[in-house]
Amino acid sequence: MTEFFMPMIKLPTSTKQERGWSKTKSGRVCTYDRDNKDAEAKLKAFLAQHVPQKPYTGALRLVVKWLFPLKGNHKDGEWYTNKPDYDNLPKAMNDIMTKLGYWKDDCIIASGVTEKIWSAIPGIYVRIEELHDGDR
């Protein structure tokens, strides 16, 4: 099992699925990632510190808790129901973890839990568990 916490103040607020677009002066349409390059770079740098010595090869459960900084009247531990959508968050993270060598392909993730929570201590909690046939 691998388990770690990444303290981060600026968490992604959009995902790769939410791309912006603009037209150049010549009329060409260009797409761009919205303001997440900094957050993704920090995520990659931190994930690089936790790459396992040997890549995982069997079935995995990946638990990720996205802990967003408190704002307004929200309370620590309250469910975060704003953008980004919960199902879009894992994609960029899984792609980064694949490129870093956590596993050869993220298709081995057989079970996943993604949670979005308001938190006094913002960041991302990650737990990777190896699954066995009796683990259902």
Protein backbone atom coordinates (compact mmCIF):
# COMPACT_ATOMS: atom_id res chain seq x y z
CA MET A 1 0.00 0.00 0.00
CA THR A 2 1.12 3.52 -0.77
CA GLU A 3 -0.38 6.46 1.11
CA PHE A 4 0.50 10.16 1.15
CA PHE A 5 -0.89 13.69 1.45
CA MET A 6 0.02 16.60 -0.82
CA PRO A 7 -0.64 19.98 0.77
CA MET A 8 -1.81 22.35 -1.98
CA ILE A 9 -3.50 25.71 -1.70
CA LYS A 10 -4.37 25.98 -5.41
CA LEU A 11 -6.23 22.88 -6.51
CA PRO A 12 -7.46 22.44 -10.09
CA THR A 13 -10.77 24.20 -10.69
CA SER A 14 -11.19 22.88 -14.21
CA THR A 15 -9.96 19.76 -15.96
CA LYS A 16 -8.56 18.67 -19.30
CA GLN A 17 -12.15 17.99 -20.38
CA GLU A 18 -12.89 21.70 -19.85
CA ARG A 19 -10.74 23.37 -22.47
CA GLY A 20 -11.08 26.95 -23.57
CA TRP A 21 -10.83 28.19 -27.13
CA SER A 22 -9.96 31.42 -28.88
CA LYS A 23 -9.53 32.74 -32.39
CA THR A 24 -6.24 34.13 -33.63
CA LYS A 25 -6.07 37.28 -35.76
CA SER A 26 -5.90 35.04 -38.84
CA GLY A 27 -9.18 33.40 -37.80
CA ARG A 28 -7.63 30.11 -36.69
CA VAL A 29 -9.26 28.45 -33.66
CA CYS A 30 -6.86 27.42 -30.89
CA THR A 31 -7.63 25.42 -27.78
CA TYR A 32 -5.87 25.92 -24.47
CA ASP A 33 -5.99 24.49 -21.00
CA ARG A 34 -7.62 26.84 -18.56
CA ASP A 35 -5.60 28.14 -15.60
CA ASN A 36 -4.41 24.75 -14.29
CA LYS A 37 -0.87 24.48 -15.63
CA ASP A 38 0.61 25.68 -12.34
CA ALA A 39 -1.50 23.27 -10.28
CA GLU A 40 -0.70 20.37 -12.62
CA ALA A 41 3.04 21.14 -12.49
CA LYS A 42 2.93 21.12 -8.69
CA LEU A 43 0.93 17.89 -8.73
CA LYS A 44 3.47 16.24 -11.04
CA ALA A 45 6.42 17.42 -8.91
CA PHE A 46 4.85 16.11 -5.73
CA LEU A 47 3.70 12.79 -7.24
CA ALA A 48 7.26 12.27 -8.53
CA GLN A 49 8.42 12.04 -4.89
CA HIS A 50 6.19 9.02 -4.24
CA VAL A 51 6.79 6.81 -7.28
CA PRO A 52 7.08 3.21 -6.07
CA GLN A 53 10.42 1.43 -6.57
CA LYS A 54 8.65 -1.15 -8.73
CA PRO A 55 5.56 -0.24 -10.76
CA TYR A 56 2.29 -1.77 -9.61
CA THR A 57 1.20 -4.62 -11.89
CA GLY A 58 -1.97 -6.10 -10.39
CA ALA A 59 -5.46 -4.85 -9.66
CA LEU A 60 -5.56 -1.65 -7.61
CA ARG A 61 -7.94 0.49 -5.60
CA LEU A 62 -7.13 4.19 -5.84
CA VAL A 63 -8.61 6.45 -3.16
CA VAL A 64 -8.22 10.19 -3.74
CA LYS A 65 -9.66 12.91 -1.52
CA TRP A 66 -9.54 16.39 -2.99
CA LEU A 67 -9.53 18.78 -0.02
CA PHE A 68 -10.47 22.29 -1.16
CA PRO A 69 -9.57 25.39 0.90
CA LEU A 70 -12.37 26.75 3.06
CA LYS A 71 -14.32 29.70 1.66
CA GLY A 72 -17.36 31.59 2.80
CA ASN A 73 -19.59 29.80 5.30
CA HIS A 74 -18.33 26.30 4.46
CA LYS A 75 -17.20 24.07 7.30
CA ASP A 76 -14.21 21.74 7.54
CA GLY A 77 -15.29 18.29 6.31
CA GLU A 78 -18.35 19.51 4.41
CA TRP A 79 -18.87 17.99 0.94
CA TYR A 80 -17.56 20.20 -1.87
CA THR A 81 -20.28 20.47 -4.53
CA ASN A 82 -18.70 23.01 -6.90
CA LYS A 83 -16.78 22.55 -10.16
CA PRO A 84 -14.79 20.60 -11.20
CA ASP A 85 -16.96 17.51 -11.58
CA TYR A 86 -15.74 14.62 -9.42
CA ASP A 87 -15.41 12.22 -12.37
CA ASN A 88 -13.12 14.59 -14.28
CA LEU A 89 -10.60 15.04 -11.46
CA PRO A 90 -8.91 11.61 -11.58
CA LYS A 91 -8.07 11.72 -15.32
CA ALA A 92 -5.17 14.19 -15.21
CA MET A 93 -3.82 12.68 -11.99
CA ASN A 94 -3.96 9.11 -13.34
CA ASP A 95 -2.24 10.22 -16.56
CA ILE A 96 0.56 11.89 -14.59
CA MET A 97 0.97 8.82 -12.36
CA THR A 98 1.17 6.59 -15.45
CA LYS A 99 3.86 8.80 -17.05
CA LEU A 100 5.83 8.80 -13.79
CA GLY A 101 5.82 4.98 -13.61
CA TYR A 102 3.37 4.16 -10.81
CA TRP A 103 2.05 1.49 -13.21
CA LYS A 104 2.35 0.70 -16.91
CA ASP A 105 -1.28 1.55 -17.64
CA ASP A 106 -4.00 2.94 -15.39
CA CYS A 107 -6.35 0.22 -16.65
CA ILE A 108 -5.18 -1.81 -13.63
CA ILE A 109 -7.20 0.50 -11.37
CA ALA A 110 -10.16 -1.79 -10.72
CA SER A 111 -11.70 0.26 -7.93
CA GLY A 112 -11.65 3.98 -7.38
CA VAL A 113 -12.95 6.41 -4.80
CA THR A 114 -12.91 10.13 -5.53
CA GLU A 115 -14.17 12.58 -2.91
CA LYS A 116 -14.37 16.39 -2.89
CA ILE A 117 -14.35 17.99 0.56
CA TRP A 118 -13.98 21.49 2.03
CA SER A 119 -10.97 21.45 4.35
CA ALA A 120 -9.05 23.66 6.75
CA ILE A 121 -5.94 21.85 5.45
CA PRO A 122 -6.24 21.88 1.65
CA GLY A 123 -4.51 19.32 -0.50
CA ILE A 124 -4.86 15.88 -2.00
CA TYR A 125 -4.85 12.62 -0.03
CA VAL A 126 -3.89 9.52 -2.04
CA ARG A 127 -4.03 5.84 -1.08
CA ILE A 128 -3.13 3.02 -3.48
CA GLU A 129 -4.12 -0.48 -2.36
CA GLU A 130 -3.28 -3.74 -4.09
CA LEU A 131 -6.43 -5.85 -4.55
CA HIS A 132 -6.64 -9.61 -4.25
CA ASP A 133 -9.38 -12.00 -5.34
CA GLY A 134 -11.04 -12.05 -1.91
CA ASP A 135 -11.17 -8.23 -1.61
CA ARG A 136 -14.78 -7.60 -2.62
